[in-house]
Protein backbone atom coordinates (compact mmCIF):
# COMPACT_ATOMS: atom_id res chain seq x y z
CA MET A 1 112.70 97.82 61.26
CA ASP A 2 111.91 94.55 63.01
CA ALA A 3 108.60 92.88 62.64
CA ILE A 4 106.02 93.26 65.36
CA ILE A 5 104.71 89.93 66.74
CA LEU A 6 101.26 89.83 68.36
CA LYS A 7 100.87 86.85 70.64
CA ASP A 8 98.09 86.51 73.13
CA ARG A 9 94.92 84.51 73.79
CA VAL A 10 92.94 86.45 71.21
CA THR A 11 95.39 86.02 68.31
CA GLY A 12 96.09 82.42 69.31
CA SER A 13 92.42 81.52 69.19
CA MET A 14 91.53 83.22 65.88
CA THR A 15 89.96 80.94 63.36
CA ASP A 16 91.24 81.06 59.79
CA GLU A 17 88.14 83.04 58.87
CA GLU A 18 88.76 85.56 61.70
CA PHE A 19 92.41 85.93 60.64
CA LEU A 20 91.30 86.63 57.05
CA TRP A 21 88.87 89.25 58.34
CA PHE A 22 91.65 90.81 60.53
CA CYS A 23 93.91 91.07 57.43
CA GLN A 24 91.13 92.58 55.31
CA GLU A 25 90.37 95.13 58.01
CA ASN A 26 94.09 96.09 58.10
CA LYS A 27 94.86 95.89 54.38
CA ASP A 28 97.47 98.63 54.57
CA LEU A 29 99.71 96.36 56.66
CA ARG A 30 101.89 93.41 55.61
CA ILE A 31 100.59 90.64 57.86
CA GLU A 32 101.54 86.96 58.17
CA ARG A 33 100.89 84.27 60.80
CA ASN A 34 103.25 81.56 62.02
CA SER A 35 102.40 78.02 63.13
CA ASN A 36 102.12 79.19 66.78
CA LEU A 37 99.25 81.42 65.51
CA GLU A 38 101.24 84.54 66.34
CA ILE A 39 100.48 87.47 64.05
CA ILE A 40 103.50 89.05 62.37
CA ILE A 41 103.22 92.66 61.22
CA MET A 42 106.02 93.77 58.95
CA SER A 43 107.05 97.13 57.60
CA PRO A 44 106.73 97.88 53.89
CA VAL A 45 109.77 96.87 51.91
CA THR A 46 112.18 99.42 50.47
CA THR A 47 111.95 100.49 46.84
CA ARG A 48 115.09 98.62 45.90
CA SER A 49 113.87 95.44 47.64
CA ASN A 50 110.54 95.61 45.81
CA TYR A 51 112.31 95.96 42.57
CA GLY A 52 114.18 92.67 43.17
CA SER A 53 111.02 90.76 44.15
CA GLY A 54 109.14 92.28 41.21
CA ALA A 55 111.89 91.19 38.79
CA ALA A 56 111.78 87.64 40.20
CA PHE A 57 107.99 87.55 39.86
CA ALA A 58 108.15 88.88 36.28
CA GLN A 59 110.65 86.22 35.19
CA LEU A 60 108.62 83.43 36.78
CA TYR A 61 105.37 84.81 35.26
CA LEU A 62 106.91 84.98 31.76
CA TRP A 63 108.24 81.41 32.01
CA ASN A 64 104.86 80.13 33.21
CA SER A 65 102.96 81.96 30.46
CA GLN A 66 105.00 79.92 27.96
CA GLN A 67 104.64 76.63 29.85
CA GLY A 68 100.99 76.91 30.96
CA LYS A 69 101.40 74.31 33.73
CA GLY A 70 100.41 76.40 36.67
CA LEU A 71 99.67 79.79 38.18
CA VAL A 72 102.07 82.45 39.50
CA PHE A 73 101.36 84.66 42.52
CA ASP A 74 103.13 87.71 43.96
CA SER A 75 103.84 89.00 47.46
CA SER A 76 100.32 90.28 48.03
CA THR A 77 98.97 86.65 48.09
CA GLY A 78 98.57 84.72 51.32
CA PHE A 79 98.60 80.92 51.54
CA THR A 80 97.45 78.84 54.52
CA LEU A 81 99.93 76.04 55.05
CA PRO A 82 99.18 72.66 56.63
CA ASP A 83 100.74 73.88 59.96
CA ARG A 84 98.24 76.89 59.89
CA SER A 85 100.98 79.41 59.05
CA VAL A 86 99.81 82.03 56.57
CA PHE A 87 102.70 83.30 54.48
CA SER A 88 103.04 85.56 51.44
CA PRO A 89 106.12 84.72 49.33
CA ASP A 90 107.60 87.31 46.99
CA ALA A 91 106.87 85.04 44.05
CA CYS A 92 105.53 81.50 43.88
CA TRP A 93 104.17 78.89 41.49
CA VAL A 94 101.24 76.52 42.07
CA SER A 95 100.58 73.67 39.70
CA THR A 96 97.35 73.66 37.75
CA SER A 97 96.37 70.34 39.38
CA GLY A 98 96.98 71.75 42.85
CA TRP A 99 94.95 74.84 42.09
CA ASN A 100 92.08 72.89 40.50
CA ALA A 101 91.85 70.67 43.59
CA LEU A 102 90.77 73.71 45.64
CA SER A 103 87.12 74.64 46.05
CA ASP A 104 85.95 78.00 44.73
CA GLU A 105 85.43 79.08 48.34
CA ASP A 106 89.04 78.22 49.20
CA LYS A 107 90.33 80.13 46.16
CA ASP A 108 88.70 83.29 47.61
CA ARG A 109 90.56 82.94 50.93
CA PHE A 110 94.16 82.46 51.86
CA ALA A 111 94.09 79.23 49.87
CA PRO A 112 94.88 76.15 51.94
CA ILE A 113 97.73 75.00 49.74
CA CYS A 114 101.50 75.19 49.84
CA PRO A 115 102.93 76.47 46.53
CA GLU A 116 105.29 73.93 45.01
CA PHE A 117 107.87 76.61 44.21
CA ILE A 118 108.83 79.66 46.29
CA ILE A 119 111.06 82.66 45.71
CA GLU A 120 111.87 85.08 48.57
CA VAL A 121 114.05 88.14 48.02
CA ARG A 122 115.58 89.51 51.22
CA SER A 123 114.72 93.12 51.89
CA LYS A 124 116.87 95.50 53.92
CA SER A 125 114.56 95.10 56.92
CA ASP A 126 114.48 91.25 56.81
CA SER A 127 116.50 89.17 59.23
CA LEU A 128 118.42 86.53 57.27
CA GLU A 129 117.94 84.01 60.11
CA ASP A 130 114.17 84.59 60.10
CA LEU A 131 113.98 84.14 56.31
CA GLN A 132 116.08 80.97 56.45
CA ASN A 133 113.75 79.55 59.09
CA LYS A 134 110.81 80.52 56.88
CA MET A 135 112.30 78.61 53.99
CA HIS A 136 112.45 75.50 56.15
CA VAL A 137 108.77 76.02 57.01
CA TRP A 138 107.89 76.20 53.28
CA ILE A 139 109.73 72.92 52.60
CA LYS A 140 108.27 71.22 55.69
CA ASN A 141 104.79 72.19 54.52
CA GLY A 142 105.16 70.79 50.97
CA ALA A 143 107.14 73.18 48.80
CA GLN A 144 109.33 71.17 46.36
CA SER A 145 111.80 74.02 45.91
CA ALA A 146 112.37 77.34 47.71
CA TRP A 147 114.92 79.98 46.77
CA LEU A 148 116.06 82.71 49.16
CA ILE A 149 117.97 85.46 47.33
CA ASP A 150 119.97 88.08 49.21
CA THR A 151 120.88 90.70 46.64
CA ARG A 152 122.79 92.87 49.13
CA GLU A 153 125.17 90.05 50.14
CA LYS A 154 125.04 88.61 46.64
CA VAL A 155 124.19 85.09 47.75
CA SER A 156 121.30 82.72 47.06
CA TYR A 157 120.16 79.71 49.13
CA LEU A 158 118.38 76.91 47.33
CA TYR A 159 116.20 74.60 49.46
CA HIS A 160 114.80 71.20 48.45
CA PRO A 161 113.26 68.41 50.55
CA GLU A 162 115.80 65.92 51.87
CA LYS A 163 118.74 67.75 50.24
CA GLU A 164 121.49 69.96 51.58
CA ILE A 165 120.98 73.70 51.09
CA ARG A 166 122.80 74.76 47.95
CA ILE A 167 124.54 78.14 48.14
CA VAL A 168 125.14 80.19 44.98
CA LYS A 169 127.43 83.22 45.29
CA GLY A 170 127.22 86.19 42.97
CA LEU A 171 124.53 87.97 40.98
CA ASP A 172 126.10 87.20 37.63
CA LYS A 173 124.50 83.78 37.44
CA LYS A 174 121.18 82.12 36.60
CA LEU A 175 119.37 79.84 39.02
CA ILE A 176 117.97 76.80 37.19
CA GLY A 177 114.63 75.26 38.20
CA GLU A 178 114.25 71.55 38.86
CA GLY A 179 111.31 69.15 39.15
CA LEU A 180 107.95 70.80 38.45
CA VAL A 181 109.72 74.04 37.39
CA THR A 182 112.31 72.44 35.12
CA GLY A 183 113.25 74.89 32.41
CA PHE A 184 112.75 77.98 34.55
CA GLU A 185 115.85 80.18 34.70
CA LEU A 186 116.10 83.16 37.09
CA ASP A 187 118.63 85.73 35.89
CA LEU A 188 119.96 87.10 39.14
CA SER A 189 121.59 90.10 37.41
CA LEU A 190 118.05 91.47 36.78
CA LEU A 191 117.19 91.59 40.48
CA SER A 192 119.61 94.28 41.61
CA ILE A 193 119.65 98.01 40.91
């Protein structure tokens, strides 16, 4: 099922606070917002897709619990990016210093911060082109690394600022973190059932 995009004068003029309220009033929906302030309503993901994103989150969470250098968030968490997009990655990591720079008030909203590390796992209903565009938005807004994993096609796309996209084929491999997430290894074989 394709996403529904709401674009009109009302959605385009919503403040960040009004958008947060809109999402809270419609908490049964998966809602994001792009930089054009269009509201994107997506269908729930399939069971198999959620398994993959959950497995990615679990591996990132376990690594971070040993490192203690940041916080890990799952797909139910929204972040307000510098371009005013509000996205919810399947799994992401925010450094402790980035998190501590936020006010308590901002921490109780869609925090105005771009996670430094992003993992997106393509679901059956996701358009590959839309997800690839989304990865560029993450990088443009400050992510240091963003991984797009397509378990159905068995290919991963690794994005970094000012570098070519690296393509890894197969689910029998481990993706290795760089920079702020050096030491993190994502076992792709655990994402597919």
